[in-house]
Amino acid sequence: MHMDEMDSSILVNIIKNPRQTLTELGSKLELSEQVIYYRLKNMKFKSIIEKYFLRINYEKLGMKSVYLAFENDAPYPEPVNAKIMCLEKITVYGLSGKEEELNDRIENLCSYLGKPFMRYEAPVSGKKFELSALDKEILDELSKDPLASAVNIADRLERKSSTVKRRIDYMLENGIISIIPKINLRMVNIVLIAIFSSTIEEFSSIIDSRLLIAYSPGSGFAITITDSLESAKKLIDNIRKKDKNAEVMVVYDYDFYP
C-alpha cells in the first residue's frame, strides 16, 4: 500500500511519542490539528495503526533484560516481554525479570526453540528507580489503555490529575516506560530494522527515530524506523560499513507486553 509523505511523517512521529498532543504534533509537522486528527482517525479505521503497547524498561527497576534471536518462527506458548518477527524466519524474543527467574525463562525458551544465534543482555541501570503504590496503579491503568489521559486515570483512581500527570511524565522522561504503537507494517512505506552489533554506540546517532533501543559500550540491540525501503537500504549499508559482523534484520511484525 502506498502512503503519502504526510501520513508517513505522522506515523514516524507517533512512533517516537504516541502520547503527544495534536497541538504538539501539528507544531512539529506544520499541520493543523484538524488535518492530523482526520489522518490518524483514517489510519486507525484502516487498521494501519492497530493498537498501542505499554513497555516497561525493567533495567531501570534493577532487573535484567535479555534479547535472543532464533532462526525459528514457531510460536512460543509461554509469556515473553517482546516478540519481534523478522524476514527469513528469524524471531527475536525479549525477556525481563530477576536473575533466577530470568535464567529459568531463558532456559525454557531455548529448550523450546533451540540455540539462539544472537544474544544481548541489556545493562542494569546505574540508578535504580523505585515505583510507588500509585505508580503501580497508574501502570495497571496504562496497560489497559496506553493512551489514557491523566485526567481519566485520576478519576478512576480517585487521585488528583496533576499528581497522576506528574508521575506519568516522570516515568516517561526517565525511560521507565514507553508507549509503542502497533503498526501494520504490510500496509505502510516505513520499514523497521532490528540490529545486533558489537559496536552499536558508534552509529547510535544515525538510528535516532527509535522504536526500542537498548545499548551499552561494546555491544547492543536496537530497533529503529526508516521512512522507506531506500532509506532502510542506506541505513543497513552504513551500519555494515561500521560493523561488518552486525546482524541487521527487517522486521515485519512485533508485539510488546508489560
C-alpha atoms as a PDB file:
ATOM      1  CA  MET A   1       0.000   0.000   0.000  1.00  0.00           C
ATOM      2  CA  HIS A   2       1.356   3.413  -0.929  1.00  0.00           C
ATOM      3  CA  MET A   3       1.220   6.120   1.726  1.00  0.00           C
ATOM      4  CA  ASP A   4       1.719   9.786   1.035  1.00  0.00           C
ATOM      5  CA  GLU A   5       4.531  11.720   2.676  1.00  0.00           C
ATOM      6  CA  MET A   6       2.207  13.398   5.163  1.00  0.00           C
ATOM      7  CA  ASP A   7       0.868  10.105   6.559  1.00  0.00           C
ATOM      8  CA  SER A   8       4.396   8.687   6.763  1.00  0.00           C
ATOM      9  CA  SER A   9       5.611  11.745   8.685  1.00  0.00           C
ATOM     10  CA  ILE A  10       2.701  11.487  11.105  1.00  0.00           C
ATOM     11  CA  LEU A  11       3.378   7.779  11.674  1.00  0.00           C
ATOM     12  CA  VAL A  12       7.102   8.274  12.304  1.00  0.00           C
ATOM     13  CA  ASN A  13       6.353  10.996  14.857  1.00  0.00           C
ATOM     14  CA  ILE A  14       3.633   8.933  16.513  1.00  0.00           C
ATOM     15  CA  ILE A  15       6.110   6.088  16.950  1.00  0.00           C
ATOM     16  CA  LYS A  16       8.527   8.492  18.637  1.00  0.00           C
ATOM     17  CA  ASN A  17       5.895   9.745  21.086  1.00  0.00           C
ATOM     18  CA  PRO A  18       2.323   8.393  20.874  1.00  0.00           C
ATOM     19  CA  ARG A  19       1.135  10.435  23.875  1.00  0.00           C
ATOM     20  CA  GLN A  20       1.990  13.828  22.404  1.00  0.00           C
ATOM     21  CA  THR A  21      -0.977  16.115  21.808  1.00  0.00           C
ATOM     22  CA  LEU A  22      -2.319  17.027  18.395  1.00  0.00           C
ATOM     23  CA  THR A  23      -1.097  20.571  19.076  1.00  0.00           C
ATOM     24  CA  GLU A  24       2.462  19.354  19.720  1.00  0.00           C
ATOM     25  CA  LEU A  25       2.422  17.086  16.671  1.00  0.00           C
ATOM     26  CA  GLY A  26       0.954  19.823  14.481  1.00  0.00           C
ATOM     27  CA  SER A  27       3.650  22.252  15.565  1.00  0.00           C
ATOM     28  CA  LYS A  28       6.416  19.802  14.590  1.00  0.00           C
ATOM     29  CA  LEU A  29       4.899  18.951  11.214  1.00  0.00           C
ATOM     30  CA  GLU A  30       3.426  22.393  10.475  1.00  0.00           C
ATOM     31  CA  LEU A  31      -0.026  20.888  10.051  1.00  0.00           C
ATOM     32  CA  SER A  32      -3.356  21.817  11.588  1.00  0.00           C
ATOM     33  CA  GLU A  33      -4.804  19.740  14.413  1.00  0.00           C
ATOM     34  CA  GLN A  34      -7.833  19.004  12.221  1.00  0.00           C
ATOM     35  CA  VAL A  35      -5.684  17.506   9.444  1.00  0.00           C
ATOM     36  CA  ILE A  36      -3.727  15.335  11.876  1.00  0.00           C
ATOM     37  CA  TYR A  37      -6.899  14.216  13.678  1.00  0.00           C
ATOM     38  CA  TYR A  38      -8.558  13.212  10.380  1.00  0.00           C
ATOM     39  CA  ARG A  39      -5.500  11.332   9.114  1.00  0.00           C
ATOM     40  CA  LEU A  40      -4.936   9.484  12.406  1.00  0.00           C
ATOM     41  CA  LYS A  41      -8.613   8.551  12.527  1.00  0.00           C
ATOM     42  CA  ASN A  42      -8.391   7.270   8.941  1.00  0.00           C
ATOM     43  CA  MET A  43      -5.264   5.208   9.706  1.00  0.00           C
ATOM     44  CA  LYS A  44      -6.970   3.643  12.724  1.00  0.00           C
ATOM     45  CA  PHE A  45     -10.094   2.924  10.657  1.00  0.00           C
ATOM     46  CA  LYS A  46      -7.954   1.157   8.040  1.00  0.00           C
ATOM     47  CA  SER A  47      -6.113  -0.748  10.809  1.00  0.00           C
ATOM     48  CA  ILE A  48      -2.793   0.807   9.826  1.00  0.00           C
ATOM     49  CA  ILE A  49      -2.463   1.746  13.493  1.00  0.00           C
ATOM     50  CA  GLU A  50      -3.809  -1.352  15.222  1.00  0.00           C
ATOM     51  CA  LYS A  51      -3.286  -0.583  18.911  1.00  0.00           C
ATOM     52  CA  TYR A  52      -0.740   0.665  21.450  1.00  0.00           C
ATOM     53  CA  PHE A  53       1.556  -1.160  23.873  1.00  0.00           C
ATOM     54  CA  LEU A  54       2.848  -0.169  27.287  1.00  0.00           C
ATOM     55  CA  ARG A  55       6.517  -1.179  27.508  1.00  0.00           C
ATOM     56  CA  ILE A  56       8.221  -1.234  30.911  1.00  0.00           C
ATOM     57  CA  ASN A  57      12.002  -0.816  30.927  1.00  0.00           C
ATOM     58  CA  TYR A  58      12.827  -3.308  33.681  1.00  0.00           C
ATOM     59  CA  GLU A  59      16.537  -2.429  33.656  1.00  0.00           C
ATOM     60  CA  LYS A  60      15.537   0.904  35.221  1.00  0.00           C
ATOM     61  CA  LEU A  61      13.924  -1.042  38.071  1.00  0.00           C
ATOM     62  CA  GLY A  62      17.027  -3.080  38.867  1.00  0.00           C
ATOM     63  CA  MET A  63      16.025  -6.159  36.855  1.00  0.00           C
ATOM     64  CA  LYS A  64      17.691  -7.760  33.847  1.00  0.00           C
ATOM     65  CA  SER A  65      16.556  -7.929  30.237  1.00  0.00           C
ATOM     66  CA  VAL A  66      17.841 -10.255  27.535  1.00  0.00           C
ATOM     67  CA  TYR A  67      17.177 -10.283  23.786  1.00  0.00           C
ATOM     68  CA  LEU A  68      17.627 -13.591  21.957  1.00  0.00           C
ATOM     69  CA  ALA A  69      17.459 -14.160  18.191  1.00  0.00           C
ATOM     70  CA  PHE A  70      16.380 -17.551  16.832  1.00  0.00           C
ATOM     71  CA  GLU A  71      16.277 -18.914  13.300  1.00  0.00           C
ATOM     72  CA  ASN A  72      12.865 -20.296  14.133  1.00  0.00           C
ATOM     73  CA  ASP A  73       9.425 -18.763  13.662  1.00  0.00           C
ATOM     74  CA  ALA A  74       7.498 -21.449  15.555  1.00  0.00           C
ATOM     75  CA  PRO A  75       5.068 -19.932  18.084  1.00  0.00           C
ATOM     76  CA  TYR A  76       6.298 -19.980  21.674  1.00  0.00           C
ATOM     77  CA  PRO A  77       3.432 -20.572  24.146  1.00  0.00           C
ATOM     78  CA  GLU A  78       4.939 -19.019  27.294  1.00  0.00           C
ATOM     79  CA  PRO A  79       4.789 -15.304  28.275  1.00  0.00           C
ATOM     80  CA  VAL A  80       7.521 -13.009  26.927  1.00  0.00           C
ATOM     81  CA  ASN A  81       8.122  -9.257  27.163  1.00  0.00           C
ATOM     82  CA  ALA A  82       8.838  -8.711  23.472  1.00  0.00           C
ATOM     83  CA  LYS A  83       8.463 -10.660  20.248  1.00  0.00           C
ATOM     84  CA  ILE A  84       9.983  -9.200  17.088  1.00  0.00           C
ATOM     85  CA  MET A  85       9.372 -11.158  13.892  1.00  0.00           C
ATOM     86  CA  CYS A  86      11.845 -10.646  11.048  1.00  0.00           C
ATOM     87  CA  LEU A  87      12.194 -11.845   7.483  1.00  0.00           C
ATOM     88  CA  GLU A  88      13.897 -15.181   6.788  1.00  0.00           C
ATOM     89  CA  LYS A  89      12.039 -16.841   9.686  1.00  0.00           C
ATOM     90  CA  ILE A  90      14.050 -15.033  12.365  1.00  0.00           C
ATOM     91  CA  THR A  91      12.359 -14.157  15.656  1.00  0.00           C
ATOM     92  CA  VAL A  92      13.826 -12.013  18.428  1.00  0.00           C
ATOM     93  CA  TYR A  93      12.434 -12.515  21.934  1.00  0.00           C
ATOM     94  CA  GLY A  94      12.845 -10.128  24.843  1.00  0.00           C
ATOM     95  CA  LEU A  95      12.672 -11.455  28.405  1.00  0.00           C
ATOM     96  CA  SER A  96      12.918  -9.488  31.661  1.00  0.00           C
ATOM     97  CA  GLY A  97      12.961 -10.336  35.349  1.00  0.00           C
ATOM     98  CA  LYS A  98      15.037 -11.006  38.423  1.00  0.00           C
ATOM     99  CA  GLU A  99      18.134 -13.099  37.739  1.00  0.00           C
ATOM    100  CA  GLU A 100      16.964 -16.539  38.890  1.00  0.00           C
ATOM    101  CA  GLU A 101      13.526 -16.185  37.314  1.00  0.00           C
ATOM    102  CA  LEU A 102      15.058 -14.800  34.107  1.00  0.00           C
ATOM    103  CA  ASN A 103      17.530 -17.676  33.818  1.00  0.00           C
ATOM    104  CA  ASP A 104      14.661 -20.163  34.096  1.00  0.00           C
ATOM    105  CA  ARG A 105      12.700 -18.337  31.388  1.00  0.00           C
ATOM    106  CA  ILE A 106      15.734 -18.267  29.078  1.00  0.00           C
ATOM    107  CA  GLU A 107      16.309 -21.988  29.608  1.00  0.00           C
ATOM    108  CA  ASN A 108      12.671 -22.767  28.815  1.00  0.00           C
ATOM    109  CA  LEU A 109      12.743 -20.603  25.690  1.00  0.00           C
ATOM    110  CA  CYS A 110      15.951 -22.195  24.379  1.00  0.00           C
ATOM    111  CA  SER A 111      14.767 -25.726  25.111  1.00  0.00           C
ATOM    112  CA  TYR A 112      11.671 -24.993  23.017  1.00  0.00           C
ATOM    113  CA  LEU A 113      13.223 -23.060  20.102  1.00  0.00           C
ATOM    114  CA  GLY A 114      16.832 -24.249  20.073  1.00  0.00           C
ATOM    115  CA  LYS A 115      20.075 -22.340  20.454  1.00  0.00           C
ATOM    116  CA  PRO A 116      19.883 -18.593  19.703  1.00  0.00           C
ATOM    117  CA  PHE A 117      22.332 -17.282  17.111  1.00  0.00           C
ATOM    118  CA  MET A 118      22.489 -13.845  18.763  1.00  0.00           C
ATOM    119  CA  ARG A 119      22.137 -12.789  22.394  1.00  0.00           C
ATOM    120  CA  TYR A 120      22.223  -9.393  24.063  1.00  0.00           C
ATOM    121  CA  GLU A 121      21.877  -8.676  27.775  1.00  0.00           C
ATOM    122  CA  ALA A 122      20.870  -5.097  28.494  1.00  0.00           C
ATOM    123  CA  PRO A 123      22.835  -3.444  31.314  1.00  0.00           C
ATOM    124  CA  VAL A 124      21.017  -2.772  34.572  1.00  0.00           C
ATOM    125  CA  SER A 125      20.602   0.969  35.072  1.00  0.00           C
ATOM    126  CA  GLY A 126      23.130   2.586  37.379  1.00  0.00           C
ATOM    127  CA  LYS A 127      20.290   4.403  39.112  1.00  0.00           C
ATOM    128  CA  LYS A 128      17.544   2.100  40.307  1.00  0.00           C
ATOM    129  CA  PHE A 129      14.093   3.657  40.319  1.00  0.00           C
ATOM    130  CA  GLU A 130      11.526   2.591  42.896  1.00  0.00           C
ATOM    131  CA  LEU A 131       7.866   2.514  41.914  1.00  0.00           C
ATOM    132  CA  SER A 132       5.373   3.821  44.443  1.00  0.00           C
ATOM    133  CA  ALA A 133       1.997   2.206  45.058  1.00  0.00           C
ATOM    134  CA  LEU A 134       0.445   4.973  42.949  1.00  0.00           C
ATOM    135  CA  ASP A 135       2.933   4.347  40.127  1.00  0.00           C
ATOM    136  CA  LYS A 136       1.911   0.686  40.047  1.00  0.00           C
ATOM    137  CA  GLU A 137      -1.767   1.623  39.915  1.00  0.00           C
ATOM    138  CA  ILE A 138      -1.055   4.021  37.060  1.00  0.00           C
ATOM    139  CA  LEU A 139       0.865   1.323  35.170  1.00  0.00           C
ATOM    140  CA  ASP A 140      -2.057  -1.048  35.604  1.00  0.00           C
ATOM    141  CA  GLU A 141      -4.342   1.556  34.013  1.00  0.00           C
ATOM    142  CA  LEU A 142      -1.869   2.283  31.203  1.00  0.00           C
ATOM    143  CA  SER A 143      -1.545  -1.439  30.446  1.00  0.00           C
ATOM    144  CA  LYS A 144      -5.298  -1.423  29.723  1.00  0.00           C
ATOM    145  CA  ASP A 145      -5.187   1.820  27.720  1.00  0.00           C
ATOM    146  CA  PRO A 146      -1.698   3.200  26.980  1.00  0.00           C
ATOM    147  CA  LEU A 147      -3.140   6.483  25.690  1.00  0.00           C
ATOM    148  CA  ALA A 148      -5.457   7.076  28.651  1.00  0.00           C
ATOM    149  CA  SER A 149      -5.283  10.695  29.767  1.00  0.00           C
ATOM    150  CA  ALA A 150      -4.037  11.660  33.214  1.00  0.00           C
ATOM    151  CA  VAL A 151      -7.499  13.088  33.917  1.00  0.00           C
ATOM    152  CA  ASN A 152      -9.276   9.794  33.134  1.00  0.00           C
ATOM    153  CA  ILE A 153      -6.766   7.740  35.119  1.00  0.00           C
ATOM    154  CA  ALA A 154      -7.038  10.143  38.047  1.00  0.00           C
ATOM    155  CA  ASP A 155     -10.836   9.809  38.005  1.00  0.00           C
ATOM    156  CA  ARG A 156     -10.620   6.015  38.161  1.00  0.00           C
ATOM    157  CA  LEU A 157      -8.009   6.076  40.927  1.00  0.00           C
ATOM    158  CA  GLU A 158      -9.677   8.947  42.803  1.00  0.00           C
ATOM    159  CA  ARG A 159      -6.471  10.985  42.728  1.00  0.00           C
ATOM    160  CA  LYS A 160      -5.570  14.489  41.635  1.00  0.00           C
ATOM    161  CA  SER A 161      -4.995  14.677  37.882  1.00  0.00           C
ATOM    162  CA  SER A 162      -1.935  16.903  38.411  1.00  0.00           C
ATOM    163  CA  THR A 163      -0.348  14.190  40.590  1.00  0.00           C
ATOM    164  CA  VAL A 164      -1.082  11.442  38.056  1.00  0.00           C
ATOM    165  CA  LYS A 165       0.257  13.555  35.179  1.00  0.00           C
ATOM    166  CA  ARG A 166       3.438  14.301  37.119  1.00  0.00           C
ATOM    167  CA  ARG A 167       4.048  10.594  37.771  1.00  0.00           C
ATOM    168  CA  ILE A 168       3.373   9.604  34.127  1.00  0.00           C
ATOM    169  CA  ASP A 169       5.702  12.353  32.885  1.00  0.00           C
ATOM    170  CA  TYR A 170       8.360  11.254  35.389  1.00  0.00           C
ATOM    171  CA  MET A 171       8.234   7.625  34.234  1.00  0.00           C
ATOM    172  CA  LEU A 172       8.314   8.606  30.556  1.00  0.00           C
ATOM    173  CA  GLU A 173      11.116  11.162  30.916  1.00  0.00           C
ATOM    174  CA  ASN A 174      13.300   8.747  32.887  1.00  0.00           C
ATOM    175  CA  GLY A 175      12.773   5.926  30.400  1.00  0.00           C
ATOM    176  CA  ILE A 176      10.998   3.718  32.938  1.00  0.00           C
ATOM    177  CA  ILE A 177       8.133   3.255  30.484  1.00  0.00           C
ATOM    178  CA  SER A 178       7.432   3.928  26.844  1.00  0.00           C
ATOM    179  CA  ILE A 179       4.313   3.715  24.720  1.00  0.00           C
ATOM    180  CA  ILE A 180       4.700   1.905  21.398  1.00  0.00           C
ATOM    181  CA  PRO A 181       2.140   1.859  18.581  1.00  0.00           C
ATOM    182  CA  LYS A 182       1.387  -1.391  16.785  1.00  0.00           C
ATOM    183  CA  ILE A 183       1.726  -0.518  13.101  1.00  0.00           C
ATOM    184  CA  ASN A 184       0.596  -2.911  10.376  1.00  0.00           C
ATOM    185  CA  LEU A 185       3.906  -2.881   8.516  1.00  0.00           C
ATOM    186  CA  ARG A 186       2.403  -4.630   5.494  1.00  0.00           C
ATOM    187  CA  MET A 187       0.310  -1.525   4.788  1.00  0.00           C
ATOM    188  CA  VAL A 188       2.902   1.246   5.057  1.00  0.00           C
ATOM    189  CA  ASN A 189       6.049   2.552   3.396  1.00  0.00           C
ATOM    190  CA  ILE A 190       8.047   2.746   6.613  1.00  0.00           C
ATOM    191  CA  VAL A 191      10.498  -0.043   7.447  1.00  0.00           C
ATOM    192  CA  LEU A 192      11.610  -1.263  10.866  1.00  0.00           C
ATOM    193  CA  ILE A 193      15.158  -2.532  11.238  1.00  0.00           C
ATOM    194  CA  ALA A 194      16.417  -4.743  14.095  1.00  0.00           C
ATOM    195  CA  ILE A 195      20.153  -4.610  14.817  1.00  0.00           C
ATOM    196  CA  PHE A 196      22.573  -6.713  16.853  1.00  0.00           C
ATOM    197  CA  SER A 197      26.052  -5.170  16.857  1.00  0.00           C
ATOM    198  CA  SER A 198      29.278  -5.290  18.856  1.00  0.00           C
ATOM    199  CA  THR A 199      29.860  -1.570  18.197  1.00  0.00           C
ATOM    200  CA  ILE A 200      26.337  -0.173  18.287  1.00  0.00           C
ATOM    201  CA  GLU A 201      27.340   3.032  20.079  1.00  0.00           C
ATOM    202  CA  GLU A 202      29.390   4.037  17.010  1.00  0.00           C
ATOM    203  CA  PHE A 203      26.274   4.524  14.909  1.00  0.00           C
ATOM    204  CA  SER A 204      23.721   5.408  17.590  1.00  0.00           C
ATOM    205  CA  SER A 205      23.495   8.897  16.056  1.00  0.00           C
ATOM    206  CA  ILE A 206      22.083   7.503  12.785  1.00  0.00           C
ATOM    207  CA  ILE A 207      19.325   5.437  14.403  1.00  0.00           C
ATOM    208  CA  ASP A 208      17.654   8.395  16.054  1.00  0.00           C
ATOM    209  CA  SER A 209      13.982   7.541  15.361  1.00  0.00           C
ATOM    210  CA  ARG A 210      13.890   4.643  17.774  1.00  0.00           C
ATOM    211  CA  LEU A 211      11.038   2.321  18.489  1.00  0.00           C
ATOM    212  CA  LEU A 212      13.083   0.370  21.006  1.00  0.00           C
ATOM    213  CA  ILE A 213      16.747   0.677  21.821  1.00  0.00           C
ATOM    214  CA  ALA A 214      18.957  -0.838  24.496  1.00  0.00           C
ATOM    215  CA  TYR A 215      22.679  -0.475  24.092  1.00  0.00           C
ATOM    216  CA  SER A 216      25.918  -0.258  26.030  1.00  0.00           C
ATOM    217  CA  PRO A 217      29.561   0.314  25.107  1.00  0.00           C
ATOM    218  CA  GLY A 218      30.797  -2.738  23.259  1.00  0.00           C
ATOM    219  CA  SER A 219      27.578  -4.411  22.177  1.00  0.00           C
ATOM    220  CA  GLY A 220      23.883  -3.871  21.895  1.00  0.00           C
ATOM    221  CA  PHE A 221      20.468  -4.441  20.346  1.00  0.00           C
ATOM    222  CA  ALA A 222      18.261  -1.799  18.777  1.00  0.00           C
ATOM    223  CA  ILE A 223      15.185  -1.359  16.644  1.00  0.00           C
ATOM    224  CA  THR A 224      14.925   1.746  14.517  1.00  0.00           C
ATOM    225  CA  ILE A 225      12.480   3.061  11.950  1.00  0.00           C
ATOM    226  CA  THR A 226      13.124   4.332   8.432  1.00  0.00           C
ATOM    227  CA  ASP A 227      10.626   6.059   6.169  1.00  0.00           C
ATOM    228  CA  SER A 228      11.176   3.940   3.036  1.00  0.00           C
ATOM    229  CA  LEU A 229      12.921   0.877   1.613  1.00  0.00           C
ATOM    230  CA  GLU A 230      15.508   3.175   0.045  1.00  0.00           C
ATOM    231  CA  SER A 231      16.386   4.810   3.365  1.00  0.00           C
ATOM    232  CA  ALA A 232      16.390   1.368   5.020  1.00  0.00           C
ATOM    233  CA  LYS A 233      18.980   0.148   2.497  1.00  0.00           C
ATOM    234  CA  LYS A 234      21.148   3.221   3.118  1.00  0.00           C
ATOM    235  CA  LEU A 235      20.939   2.661   6.869  1.00  0.00           C
ATOM    236  CA  ILE A 236      21.846  -1.025   6.556  1.00  0.00           C
ATOM    237  CA  ASP A 237      24.810  -0.153   4.310  1.00  0.00           C
ATOM    238  CA  ASN A 238      26.029   2.465   6.822  1.00  0.00           C
ATOM    239  CA  ILE A 239      25.748   0.028   9.713  1.00  0.00           C
ATOM    240  CA  ARG A 240      27.658  -2.690   7.869  1.00  0.00           C
ATOM    241  CA  LYS A 241      30.418  -0.240   6.953  1.00  0.00           C
ATOM    242  CA  LYS A 242      30.970   0.364  10.668  1.00  0.00           C
ATOM    243  CA  ASP A 243      30.440  -3.251  11.752  1.00  0.00           C
ATOM    244  CA  LYS A 244      30.740  -5.912   9.057  1.00  0.00           C
ATOM    245  CA  ASN A 245      29.620  -8.580  11.541  1.00  0.00           C
ATOM    246  CA  ALA A 246      26.419  -6.784  12.540  1.00  0.00           C
ATOM    247  CA  GLU A 247      23.179  -8.742  12.243  1.00  0.00           C
ATOM    248  CA  VAL A 248      20.655  -6.440  10.563  1.00  0.00           C
ATOM    249  CA  MET A 249      17.115  -7.711  10.027  1.00  0.00           C
ATOM    250  CA  VAL A 250      13.921  -6.323   8.503  1.00  0.00           C
ATOM    251  CA  VAL A 251      11.002  -6.518  10.945  1.00  0.00           C
ATOM    252  CA  TYR A 252       7.564  -7.461   9.614  1.00  0.00           C
ATOM    253  CA  ASP A 253       5.628  -7.744  12.890  1.00  0.00           C
ATOM    254  CA  TYR A 254       6.129  -7.125  16.606  1.00  0.00           C
ATOM    255  CA  ASP A 255       4.445  -7.316  20.000  1.00  0.00           C
ATOM    256  CA  PHE A 256       5.375  -5.965  23.419  1.00  0.00           C
ATOM    257  CA  TYR A 257       3.961  -6.973  26.786  1.00  0.00           C
ATOM    258  CA  PRO A 258       4.310  -5.257  30.204  1.00  0.00           C
END
